Amino acid sequence: MTDRLLQFLNPENFQLAWEKVAKNRGCAGVDKETLTSSSA
């Protein structure tokens, strides 16, 4: 795998992304999932 792909798949990266979305009170996207339904 490339370094960029490994960085993308890093669990810490997903955690940071989740925190940014939560901080911005993210809304449902094309999949219609909200933060509330995703964190349940």
N, C-alpha and C. Protein backbone atom coordinates (compact mmCIF):
# COMPACT_ATOMS: atom_id res chain seq x y z
N MET A 1 0.84 -1.19 0.00
CA MET A 1 0.00 0.00 0.00
C MET A 1 0.87 1.24 0.00
N THR A 2 0.34 2.28 -0.55
CA THR A 2 1.08 3.53 -0.57
C THR A 2 0.97 4.22 0.79
N ASP A 3 1.90 5.13 1.05
CA ASP A 3 1.88 5.88 2.32
C ASP A 3 0.58 6.66 2.48
N ARG A 4 0.10 7.25 1.39
CA ARG A 4 -1.14 8.04 1.47
C ARG A 4 -2.33 7.16 1.83
N LEU A 5 -2.40 5.97 1.26
CA LEU A 5 -3.49 5.05 1.57
C LEU A 5 -3.40 4.58 3.02
N LEU A 6 -2.21 4.28 3.48
CA LEU A 6 -2.04 3.87 4.87
C LEU A 6 -2.44 4.99 5.82
N GLN A 7 -2.11 6.21 5.47
CA GLN A 7 -2.49 7.36 6.30
C GLN A 7 -4.01 7.50 6.32
N PHE A 8 -4.65 7.32 5.18
CA PHE A 8 -6.11 7.43 5.10
C PHE A 8 -6.78 6.36 5.95
N LEU A 9 -6.26 5.15 5.91
CA LEU A 9 -6.87 4.03 6.63
C LEU A 9 -6.51 3.98 8.11
N ASN A 10 -5.65 4.86 8.56
CA ASN A 10 -5.23 4.89 9.96
C ASN A 10 -6.43 5.22 10.85
N PRO A 11 -6.70 4.40 11.87
CA PRO A 11 -7.83 4.66 12.77
C PRO A 11 -7.80 6.05 13.41
N GLU A 12 -6.60 6.56 13.67
CA GLU A 12 -6.50 7.91 14.25
C GLU A 12 -7.05 8.95 13.28
N ASN A 13 -6.85 8.74 11.98
CA ASN A 13 -7.37 9.65 10.97
C ASN A 13 -8.90 9.66 10.98
N PHE A 14 -9.49 8.48 11.10
CA PHE A 14 -10.94 8.39 11.17
C PHE A 14 -11.47 9.08 12.42
N GLN A 15 -10.77 8.92 13.54
CA GLN A 15 -11.18 9.57 14.78
C GLN A 15 -11.14 11.09 14.64
N LEU A 16 -10.07 11.61 14.05
CA LEU A 16 -9.96 13.06 13.85
C LEU A 16 -11.08 13.57 12.94
N ALA A 17 -11.37 12.81 11.89
CA ALA A 17 -12.44 13.21 10.98
C ALA A 17 -13.78 13.22 11.70
N TRP A 18 -14.03 12.19 12.51
CA TRP A 18 -15.29 12.11 13.26
C TRP A 18 -15.41 13.30 14.21
N GLU A 19 -14.33 13.65 14.88
CA GLU A 19 -14.36 14.77 15.81
C GLU A 19 -14.64 16.09 15.09
N LYS A 20 -14.08 16.27 13.89
CA LYS A 20 -14.33 17.49 13.12
C LYS A 20 -15.79 17.57 12.70
N VAL A 21 -16.35 16.46 12.26
CA VAL A 21 -17.76 16.44 11.85
C VAL A 21 -18.64 16.74 13.06
N ALA A 22 -18.35 16.11 14.18
CA ALA A 22 -19.16 16.33 15.39
C ALA A 22 -19.06 17.77 15.86
N LYS A 23 -17.86 18.33 15.80
CA LYS A 23 -17.66 19.72 16.23
C LYS A 23 -18.48 20.67 15.36
N ASN A 24 -18.56 20.36 14.06
CA ASN A 24 -19.32 21.20 13.14
C ASN A 24 -20.80 20.83 13.09
N ARG A 25 -21.20 19.95 13.99
CA ARG A 25 -22.59 19.47 14.04
C ARG A 25 -23.02 19.01 12.66
N GLY A 26 -22.23 18.11 12.10
CA GLY A 26 -22.47 17.59 10.76
C GLY A 26 -23.90 17.10 10.56
N CYS A 27 -24.38 17.23 9.36
CA CYS A 27 -25.74 16.80 9.04
C CYS A 27 -25.66 15.59 8.11
N ALA A 28 -26.79 15.00 7.87
CA ALA A 28 -26.86 13.80 7.03
C ALA A 28 -26.34 14.11 5.62
N GLY A 29 -25.59 13.18 5.08
CA GLY A 29 -25.07 13.32 3.72
C GLY A 29 -25.92 12.52 2.75
N VAL A 30 -25.32 12.08 1.68
CA VAL A 30 -26.06 11.35 0.66
C VAL A 30 -26.62 10.03 1.18
N ASP A 31 -26.02 9.49 2.24
CA ASP A 31 -26.52 8.23 2.79
C ASP A 31 -27.63 8.44 3.82
N LYS A 32 -27.96 9.70 4.08
CA LYS A 32 -29.03 10.08 5.01
C LYS A 32 -28.76 9.66 6.45
N GLU A 33 -27.51 9.33 6.79
CA GLU A 33 -27.14 8.98 8.16
C GLU A 33 -26.77 10.25 8.92
N THR A 34 -27.29 10.37 10.12
CA THR A 34 -26.97 11.51 10.97
C THR A 34 -25.92 11.09 11.99
N LEU A 35 -25.34 12.04 12.70
CA LEU A 35 -24.38 11.72 13.75
C LEU A 35 -25.05 10.86 14.83
N THR A 36 -26.27 11.18 15.14
CA THR A 36 -26.98 10.43 16.18
C THR A 36 -27.15 8.97 15.79
N SER A 37 -27.58 8.72 14.56
CA SER A 37 -27.78 7.32 14.16
C SER A 37 -26.45 6.60 13.96
N SER A 38 -25.40 7.31 13.60
CA SER A 38 -24.11 6.68 13.38
C SER A 38 -23.40 6.35 14.68
N SER A 39 -23.67 7.08 15.73
CA SER A 39 -22.95 6.85 16.98
C SER A 39 -23.70 5.88 17.88
N ALA A 40 -24.85 5.42 17.47
CA ALA A 40 -25.63 4.49 18.29
C ALA A 40 -25.08 3.09 18.26
